[in-house]
Amino acid sequence: MLLKEANARLTENELAHLGAGEVGYIRKMKSDEVSRCFPEAPEIDPTLDLWALFAADGTPILLTDNRSSTFFKAAEDDLKTVSLH
């Protein structure tokens, strides 16, 4: 089946939940982005390199200064990971 045909058959709700519970994405974050995604996080040193793991729908799962930790958490939660740049 062509991707174009598959997309035409997905409802908006189905598309929004695509990958839920199966896929997570990892991305590098700047400290000024943290409060938007992780409002409960304390103020963070702006010089730190931070990494975040999100569910397929954008729900934040983990924030860390150790990139490897995001992969370990994803594996623990049985999520396939993708990286965003």
PDB file of N, CA and C in Angstrom:
ATOM      1  N   MET A   1       0.850  -1.175   0.000  1.00  0.00           N
ATOM      2  CA  MET A   1       0.000   0.000   0.000  1.00  0.00           C
ATOM      3  C   MET A   1       0.894   1.235   0.000  1.00  0.00           C
ATOM      4  N   LEU A   2       0.548   2.188  -0.786  1.00  0.00           N
ATOM      5  CA  LEU A   2       1.299   3.428  -0.837  1.00  0.00           C
ATOM      6  C   LEU A   2       1.038   4.248   0.406  1.00  0.00           C
ATOM      7  N   LEU A   3       2.053   4.997   0.839  1.00  0.00           N
ATOM      8  CA  LEU A   3       1.916   5.839   2.025  1.00  0.00           C
ATOM      9  C   LEU A   3       0.782   6.839   1.857  1.00  0.00           C
ATOM     10  N   LYS A   4       0.645   7.387   0.662  1.00  0.00           N
ATOM     11  CA  LYS A   4      -0.422   8.355   0.392  1.00  0.00           C
ATOM     12  C   LYS A   4      -1.789   7.718   0.653  1.00  0.00           C
ATOM     13  N   GLU A   5      -1.966   6.484   0.238  1.00  0.00           N
ATOM     14  CA  GLU A   5      -3.231   5.782   0.459  1.00  0.00           C
ATOM     15  C   GLU A   5      -3.452   5.512   1.945  1.00  0.00           C
ATOM     16  N   ALA A   6      -2.391   5.130   2.650  1.00  0.00           N
ATOM     17  CA  ALA A   6      -2.504   4.852   4.081  1.00  0.00           C
ATOM     18  C   ALA A   6      -2.908   6.111   4.835  1.00  0.00           C
ATOM     19  N   ASN A   7      -2.314   7.250   4.494  1.00  0.00           N
ATOM     20  CA  ASN A   7      -2.647   8.510   5.160  1.00  0.00           C
ATOM     21  C   ASN A   7      -4.100   8.902   4.913  1.00  0.00           C
ATOM     22  N   ALA A   8      -4.592   8.634   3.733  1.00  0.00           N
ATOM     23  CA  ALA A   8      -5.960   8.996   3.395  1.00  0.00           C
ATOM     24  C   ALA A   8      -6.962   8.188   4.215  1.00  0.00           C
ATOM     25  N   ARG A   9      -6.553   7.057   4.731  1.00  0.00           N
ATOM     26  CA  ARG A   9      -7.467   6.189   5.486  1.00  0.00           C
ATOM     27  C   ARG A   9      -7.394   6.410   6.992  1.00  0.00           C
ATOM     28  N   LEU A  10      -6.456   7.211   7.465  1.00  0.00           N
ATOM     29  CA  LEU A  10      -6.340   7.486   8.895  1.00  0.00           C
ATOM     30  C   LEU A  10      -7.190   8.692   9.266  1.00  0.00           C
ATOM     31  N   THR A  11      -7.940   8.553  10.346  1.00  0.00           N
ATOM     32  CA  THR A  11      -8.665   9.714  10.846  1.00  0.00           C
ATOM     33  C   THR A  11      -7.675  10.608  11.578  1.00  0.00           C
ATOM     34  N   GLU A  12      -8.071  11.817  11.876  1.00  0.00           N
ATOM     35  CA  GLU A  12      -7.219  12.740  12.607  1.00  0.00           C
ATOM     36  C   GLU A  12      -6.866  12.150  13.983  1.00  0.00           C
ATOM     37  N   ASN A  13      -7.830  11.537  14.630  1.00  0.00           N
ATOM     38  CA  ASN A  13      -7.609  10.929  15.937  1.00  0.00           C
ATOM     39  C   ASN A  13      -6.640   9.749  15.848  1.00  0.00           C
ATOM     40  N   GLU A  14      -6.789   8.923  14.819  1.00  0.00           N
ATOM     41  CA  GLU A  14      -5.867   7.798  14.627  1.00  0.00           C
ATOM     42  C   GLU A  14      -4.450   8.287  14.374  1.00  0.00           C
ATOM     43  N   LEU A  15      -4.318   9.326  13.590  1.00  0.00           N
ATOM     44  CA  LEU A  15      -2.998   9.888  13.300  1.00  0.00           C
ATOM     45  C   LEU A  15      -2.356  10.443  14.576  1.00  0.00           C
ATOM     46  N   ALA A  16      -3.160  11.091  15.414  1.00  0.00           N
ATOM     47  CA  ALA A  16      -2.647  11.664  16.663  1.00  0.00           C
ATOM     48  C   ALA A  16      -2.126  10.590  17.607  1.00  0.00           C
ATOM     49  N   HIS A  17      -2.666   9.389  17.515  1.00  0.00           N
ATOM     50  CA  HIS A  17      -2.258   8.309  18.411  1.00  0.00           C
ATOM     51  C   HIS A  17      -1.301   7.306  17.765  1.00  0.00           C
ATOM     52  N   LEU A  18      -0.861   7.607  16.559  1.00  0.00           N
ATOM     53  CA  LEU A  18       0.063   6.737  15.854  1.00  0.00           C
ATOM     54  C   LEU A  18       1.360   6.581  16.644  1.00  0.00           C
ATOM     55  N   GLY A  19       1.737   5.373  16.950  1.00  0.00           N
ATOM     56  CA  GLY A  19       2.967   5.110  17.687  1.00  0.00           C
ATOM     57  C   GLY A  19       2.819   5.164  19.194  1.00  0.00           C
ATOM     58  N   ALA A  20       1.633   5.461  19.696  1.00  0.00           N
ATOM     59  CA  ALA A  20       1.419   5.569  21.144  1.00  0.00           C
ATOM     60  C   ALA A  20       1.776   4.257  21.833  1.00  0.00           C
ATOM     61  N   GLY A  21       2.593   4.365  22.858  1.00  0.00           N
ATOM     62  CA  GLY A  21       3.014   3.189  23.608  1.00  0.00           C
ATOM     63  C   GLY A  21       4.077   2.352  22.921  1.00  0.00           C
ATOM     64  N   GLU A  22       4.472   2.749  21.715  1.00  0.00           N
ATOM     65  CA  GLU A  22       5.448   1.973  20.953  1.00  0.00           C
ATOM     66  C   GLU A  22       6.682   2.776  20.560  1.00  0.00           C
ATOM     67  N   VAL A  23       6.501   4.075  20.337  1.00  0.00           N
ATOM     68  CA  VAL A  23       7.582   4.918  19.843  1.00  0.00           C
ATOM     69  C   VAL A  23       7.816   6.081  20.803  1.00  0.00           C
ATOM     70  N   GLY A  24       9.080   6.392  21.007  1.00  0.00           N
ATOM     71  CA  GLY A  24       9.453   7.562  21.781  1.00  0.00           C
ATOM     72  C   GLY A  24      10.503   8.324  20.999  1.00  0.00           C
ATOM     73  N   TYR A  25      10.579   9.608  21.236  1.00  0.00           N
ATOM     74  CA  TYR A  25      11.625  10.348  20.546  1.00  0.00           C
ATOM     75  C   TYR A  25      12.509  11.074  21.541  1.00  0.00           C
ATOM     76  N   ILE A  26      13.753  11.192  21.151  1.00  0.00           N
ATOM     77  CA  ILE A  26      14.790  11.784  21.988  1.00  0.00           C
ATOM     78  C   ILE A  26      15.276  13.042  21.293  1.00  0.00           C
ATOM     79  N   ARG A  27      15.425  14.092  22.088  1.00  0.00           N
ATOM     80  CA  ARG A  27      15.983  15.298  21.498  1.00  0.00           C
ATOM     81  C   ARG A  27      16.772  16.087  22.528  1.00  0.00           C
ATOM     82  N   LYS A  28      17.744  16.796  22.035  1.00  0.00           N
ATOM     83  CA  LYS A  28      18.561  17.668  22.865  1.00  0.00           C
ATOM     84  C   LYS A  28      17.740  18.921  23.151  1.00  0.00           C
ATOM     85  N   MET A  29      17.852  19.411  24.373  1.00  0.00           N
ATOM     86  CA  MET A  29      17.088  20.596  24.759  1.00  0.00           C
ATOM     87  C   MET A  29      18.006  21.654  25.348  1.00  0.00           C
ATOM     88  N   LYS A  30      17.599  22.895  25.201  1.00  0.00           N
ATOM     89  CA  LYS A  30      18.271  24.007  25.859  1.00  0.00           C
ATOM     90  C   LYS A  30      17.525  24.273  27.165  1.00  0.00           C
ATOM     91  N   SER A  31      18.225  24.807  28.135  1.00  0.00           N
ATOM     92  CA  SER A  31      17.615  25.027  29.444  1.00  0.00           C
ATOM     93  C   SER A  31      16.386  25.934  29.371  1.00  0.00           C
ATOM     94  N   ASP A  32      16.357  26.874  28.429  1.00  0.00           N
ATOM     95  CA  ASP A  32      15.201  27.768  28.341  1.00  0.00           C
ATOM     96  C   ASP A  32      13.952  27.072  27.804  1.00  0.00           C
ATOM     97  N   GLU A  33      14.092  25.894  27.204  1.00  0.00           N
ATOM     98  CA  GLU A  33      12.950  25.122  26.718  1.00  0.00           C
ATOM     99  C   GLU A  33      12.352  24.225  27.806  1.00  0.00           C
ATOM    100  N   VAL A  34      13.130  23.963  28.827  1.00  0.00           N
ATOM    101  CA  VAL A  34      12.742  22.984  29.837  1.00  0.00           C
ATOM    102  C   VAL A  34      11.434  23.350  30.527  1.00  0.00           C
ATOM    103  N   SER A  35      11.276  24.584  30.951  1.00  0.00           N
ATOM    104  CA  SER A  35      10.074  24.962  31.699  1.00  0.00           C
ATOM    105  C   SER A  35       8.800  24.781  30.884  1.00  0.00           C
ATOM    106  N   ARG A  36       8.896  24.886  29.575  1.00  0.00           N
ATOM    107  CA  ARG A  36       7.722  24.691  28.719  1.00  0.00           C
ATOM    108  C   ARG A  36       7.298  23.219  28.690  1.00  0.00           C
ATOM    109  N   CYS A  37       8.258  22.325  28.599  1.00  0.00           N
ATOM    110  CA  CYS A  37       7.959  20.892  28.496  1.00  0.00           C
ATOM    111  C   CYS A  37       7.893  20.194  29.852  1.00  0.00           C
ATOM    112  N   PHE A  38       8.689  20.682  30.796  1.00  0.00           N
ATOM    113  CA  PHE A  38       8.770  20.086  32.126  1.00  0.00           C
ATOM    114  C   PHE A  38       8.538  21.186  33.165  1.00  0.00           C
ATOM    115  N   PRO A  39       7.303  21.662  33.324  1.00  0.00           N
ATOM    116  CA  PRO A  39       7.037  22.812  34.195  1.00  0.00           C
ATOM    117  C   PRO A  39       7.431  22.603  35.659  1.00  0.00           C
ATOM    118  N   GLU A  40       7.506  21.377  36.105  1.00  0.00           N
ATOM    119  CA  GLU A  40       7.864  21.091  37.500  1.00  0.00           C
ATOM    120  C   GLU A  40       9.374  21.071  37.737  1.00  0.00           C
ATOM    121  N   ALA A  41      10.154  21.175  36.688  1.00  0.00           N
ATOM    122  CA  ALA A  41      11.617  21.125  36.815  1.00  0.00           C
ATOM    123  C   ALA A  41      12.140  22.394  37.488  1.00  0.00           C
ATOM    124  N   PRO A  42      13.173  22.246  38.316  1.00  0.00           N
ATOM    125  CA  PRO A  42      13.785  23.436  38.929  1.00  0.00           C
ATOM    126  C   PRO A  42      14.557  24.229  37.877  1.00  0.00           C
ATOM    127  N   GLU A  43      15.006  25.419  38.253  1.00  0.00           N
ATOM    128  CA  GLU A  43      15.826  26.217  37.339  1.00  0.00           C
ATOM    129  C   GLU A  43      17.111  25.453  37.048  1.00  0.00           C
ATOM    130  N   ILE A  44      17.513  25.453  35.795  1.00  0.00           N
ATOM    131  CA  ILE A  44      18.643  24.626  35.362  1.00  0.00           C
ATOM    132  C   ILE A  44      19.760  25.502  34.804  1.00  0.00           C
ATOM    133  N   ASP A  45      20.966  25.131  35.122  1.00  0.00           N
ATOM    134  CA  ASP A  45      22.165  25.820  34.630  1.00  0.00           C
ATOM    135  C   ASP A  45      22.123  25.867  33.101  1.00  0.00           C
ATOM    136  N   PRO A  46      22.171  27.047  32.515  1.00  0.00           N
ATOM    137  CA  PRO A  46      22.077  27.171  31.054  1.00  0.00           C
ATOM    138  C   PRO A  46      23.253  26.571  30.286  1.00  0.00           C
ATOM    139  N   THR A  47      24.330  26.220  30.967  1.00  0.00           N
ATOM    140  CA  THR A  47      25.474  25.632  30.274  1.00  0.00           C
ATOM    141  C   THR A  47      25.348  24.112  30.124  1.00  0.00           C
ATOM    142  N   LEU A  48      24.365  23.508  30.797  1.00  0.00           N
ATOM    143  CA  LEU A  48      24.199  22.055  30.727  1.00  0.00           C
ATOM    144  C   LEU A  48      23.622  21.623  29.388  1.00  0.00           C
ATOM    145  N   ASP A  49      24.133  20.516  28.870  1.00  0.00           N
ATOM    146  CA  ASP A  49      23.507  19.864  27.718  1.00  0.00           C
ATOM    147  C   ASP A  49      22.447  18.934  28.285  1.00  0.00           C
ATOM    148  N   LEU A  50      21.209  19.112  27.861  1.00  0.00           N
ATOM    149  CA  LEU A  50      20.105  18.312  28.375  1.00  0.00           C
ATOM    150  C   LEU A  50      19.508  17.450  27.275  1.00  0.00           C
ATOM    151  N   TRP A  51      18.986  16.300  27.681  1.00  0.00           N
ATOM    152  CA  TRP A  51      18.343  15.371  26.762  1.00  0.00           C
ATOM    153  C   TRP A  51      16.981  15.017  27.313  1.00  0.00           C
ATOM    154  N   ALA A  52      16.008  14.920  26.423  1.00  0.00           N
ATOM    155  CA  ALA A  52      14.652  14.593  26.846  1.00  0.00           C
ATOM    156  C   ALA A  52      14.109  13.425  26.027  1.00  0.00           C
ATOM    157  N   LEU A  53      13.307  12.620  26.701  1.00  0.00           N
ATOM    158  CA  LEU A  53      12.585  11.529  26.062  1.00  0.00           C
ATOM    159  C   LEU A  53      11.113  11.885  26.105  1.00  0.00           C
ATOM    160  N   PHE A  54      10.453  11.798  24.958  1.00  0.00           N
ATOM    161  CA  PHE A  54       9.036  12.098  24.835  1.00  0.00           C
ATOM    162  C   PHE A  54       8.305  10.900  24.244  1.00  0.00           C
ATOM    163  N   ALA A  55       7.042  10.730  24.626  1.00  0.00           N
ATOM    164  CA  ALA A  55       6.190   9.719  23.993  1.00  0.00           C
ATOM    165  C   ALA A  55       5.861  10.196  22.579  1.00  0.00           C
ATOM    166  N   ALA A  56       5.348   9.310  21.767  1.00  0.00           N
ATOM    167  CA  ALA A  56       5.026   9.640  20.376  1.00  0.00           C
ATOM    168  C   ALA A  56       4.079  10.831  20.269  1.00  0.00           C
ATOM    169  N   ASP A  57       3.209  11.010  21.258  1.00  0.00           N
ATOM    170  CA  ASP A  57       2.258  12.124  21.219  1.00  0.00           C
ATOM    171  C   ASP A  57       2.816  13.417  21.809  1.00  0.00           C
ATOM    172  N   GLY A  58       4.093  13.399  22.211  1.00  0.00           N
ATOM    173  CA  GLY A  58       4.728  14.592  22.750  1.00  0.00           C
ATOM    174  C   GLY A  58       4.725  14.693  24.264  1.00  0.00           C
ATOM    175  N   THR A  59       4.146  13.716  24.935  1.00  0.00           N
ATOM    176  CA  THR A  59       4.137  13.716  26.392  1.00  0.00           C
ATOM    177  C   THR A  59       5.562  13.540  26.909  1.00  0.00           C
ATOM    178  N   PRO A  60       6.031  14.465  27.776  1.00  0.00           N
ATOM    179  CA  PRO A  60       7.389  14.328  28.308  1.00  0.00           C
ATOM    180  C   PRO A  60       7.496  13.138  29.259  1.00  0.00           C
ATOM    181  N   ILE A  61       8.587  12.379  29.125  1.00  0.00           N
ATOM    182  CA  ILE A  61       8.810  11.200  29.963  1.00  0.00           C
ATOM    183  C   ILE A  61      10.012  11.399  30.874  1.00  0.00           C
ATOM    184  N   LEU A  62      11.114  11.913  30.323  1.00  0.00           N
ATOM    185  CA  LEU A  62      12.359  12.000  31.086  1.00  0.00           C
ATOM    186  C   LEU A  62      13.181  13.187  30.621  1.00  0.00           C
ATOM    187  N   LEU A  63      13.803  13.861  31.582  1.00  0.00           N
ATOM    188  CA  LEU A  63      14.765  14.925  31.297  1.00  0.00           C
ATOM    189  C   LEU A  63      16.042  14.585  32.044  1.00  0.00           C
ATOM    190  N   THR A  64      17.174  14.631  31.345  1.00  0.00           N
ATOM    191  CA  THR A  64      18.442  14.248  31.953  1.00  0.00           C
ATOM    192  C   THR A  64      19.602  14.987  31.282  1.00  0.00           C
ATOM    193  N   ASP A  65      20.731  14.978  31.950  1.00  0.00           N
ATOM    194  CA  ASP A  65      21.935  15.539  31.320  1.00  0.00           C
ATOM    195  C   ASP A  65      22.804  14.424  30.743  1.00  0.00           C
ATOM    196  N   ASN A  66      22.279  13.208  30.732  1.00  0.00           N
ATOM    197  CA  ASN A  66      23.003  12.044  30.237  1.00  0.00           C
ATOM    198  C   ASN A  66      22.202  11.417  29.096  1.00  0.00           C
ATOM    199  N   ARG A  67      22.684  11.561  27.881  1.00  0.00           N
ATOM    200  CA  ARG A  67      21.956  11.056  26.708  1.00  0.00           C
ATOM    201  C   ARG A  67      21.659   9.559  26.808  1.00  0.00           C
ATOM    202  N   SER A  68      22.593   8.789  27.312  1.00  0.00           N
ATOM    203  CA  SER A  68      22.397   7.341  27.430  1.00  0.00           C
ATOM    204  C   SER A  68      21.196   6.988  28.292  1.00  0.00           C
ATOM    205  N   SER A  69      20.932   7.808  29.289  1.00  0.00           N
ATOM    206  CA  SER A  69      19.793   7.546  30.182  1.00  0.00           C
ATOM    207  C   SER A  69      18.470   7.550  29.433  1.00  0.00           C
ATOM    208  N   THR A  70      18.369   8.374  28.394  1.00  0.00           N
ATOM    209  CA  THR A  70      17.124   8.416  27.631  1.00  0.00           C
ATOM    210  C   THR A  70      16.892   7.092  26.906  1.00  0.00           C
ATOM    211  N   PHE A  71      17.963   6.497  26.403  1.00  0.00           N
ATOM    212  CA  PHE A  71      17.835   5.206  25.719  1.00  0.00           C
ATOM    213  C   PHE A  71      17.508   4.084  26.702  1.00  0.00           C
ATOM    214  N   PHE A  72      18.109   4.138  27.884  1.00  0.00           N
ATOM    215  CA  PHE A  72      17.810   3.120  28.899  1.00  0.00           C
ATOM    216  C   PHE A  72      16.350   3.199  29.333  1.00  0.00           C
ATOM    217  N   LYS A  73      15.844   4.418  29.543  1.00  0.00           N
ATOM    218  CA  LYS A  73      14.442   4.586  29.953  1.00  0.00           C
ATOM    219  C   LYS A  73      13.507   4.130  28.846  1.00  0.00           C
ATOM    220  N   ALA A  74      13.819   4.450  27.605  1.00  0.00           N
ATOM    221  CA  ALA A  74      12.989   4.013  26.481  1.00  0.00           C
ATOM    222  C   ALA A  74      12.951   2.491  26.416  1.00  0.00           C
ATOM    223  N   ALA A  75      14.095   1.847  26.584  1.00  0.00           N
ATOM    224  CA  ALA A  75      14.139   0.380  26.563  1.00  0.00           C
ATOM    225  C   ALA A  75      13.335  -0.198  27.717  1.00  0.00           C
ATOM    226  N   GLU A  76      13.446   0.422  28.872  1.00  0.00           N
ATOM    227  CA  GLU A  76      12.694  -0.023  30.051  1.00  0.00           C
ATOM    228  C   GLU A  76      11.186   0.046  29.797  1.00  0.00           C
ATOM    229  N   ASP A  77      10.765   1.065  29.054  1.00  0.00           N
ATOM    230  CA  ASP A  77       9.348   1.250  28.735  1.00  0.00           C
ATOM    231  C   ASP A  77       8.940   0.571  27.423  1.00  0.00           C
ATOM    232  N   ASP A  78       9.834  -0.238  26.852  1.00  0.00           N
ATOM    233  CA  ASP A  78       9.588  -0.946  25.585  1.00  0.00           C
ATOM    234  C   ASP A  78       9.229   0.001  24.442  1.00  0.00           C
ATOM    235  N   LEU A  79       9.918   1.133  24.369  1.00  0.00           N
ATOM    236  CA  LEU A  79       9.700   2.093  23.297  1.00  0.00           C
ATOM    237  C   LEU A  79      10.822   2.006  22.273  1.00  0.00           C
ATOM    238  N   LYS A  80      10.478   2.049  21.015  1.00  0.00           N
ATOM    239  CA  LYS A  80      11.471   2.189  19.944  1.00  0.00           C
ATOM    240  C   LYS A  80      11.788   3.681  19.884  1.00  0.00           C
ATOM    241  N   THR A  81      13.048   4.016  19.733  1.00  0.00           N
ATOM    242  CA  THR A  81      13.423   5.420  19.791  1.00  0.00           C
ATOM    243  C   THR A  81      13.801   5.986  18.421  1.00  0.00           C
ATOM    244  N   VAL A  82      13.527   7.256  18.284  1.00  0.00           N
ATOM    245  CA  VAL A  82      13.974   8.040  17.145  1.00  0.00           C
ATOM    246  C   VAL A  82      14.540   9.336  17.692  1.00  0.00           C
ATOM    247  N   SER A  83      15.487   9.916  17.009  1.00  0.00           N
ATOM    248  CA  SER A  83      16.075  11.180  17.445  1.00  0.00           C
ATOM    249  C   SER A  83      15.561  12.315  16.575  1.00  0.00           C
ATOM    250  N   LEU A  84      15.324  13.449  17.190  1.00  0.00           N
ATOM    251  CA  LEU A  84      14.926  14.657  16.461  1.00  0.00           C
ATOM    252  C   LEU A  84      16.033  15.667  16.572  1.00  0.00           C
ATOM    253  N   HIS A  85      16.243  16.407  15.505  1.00  0.00           N
ATOM    254  CA  HIS A  85      17.323  17.410  15.496  1.00  0.00           C
ATOM    255  C   HIS A  85      16.727  18.787  15.491  1.00  0.00           C
TER     256      HIS A  85
END
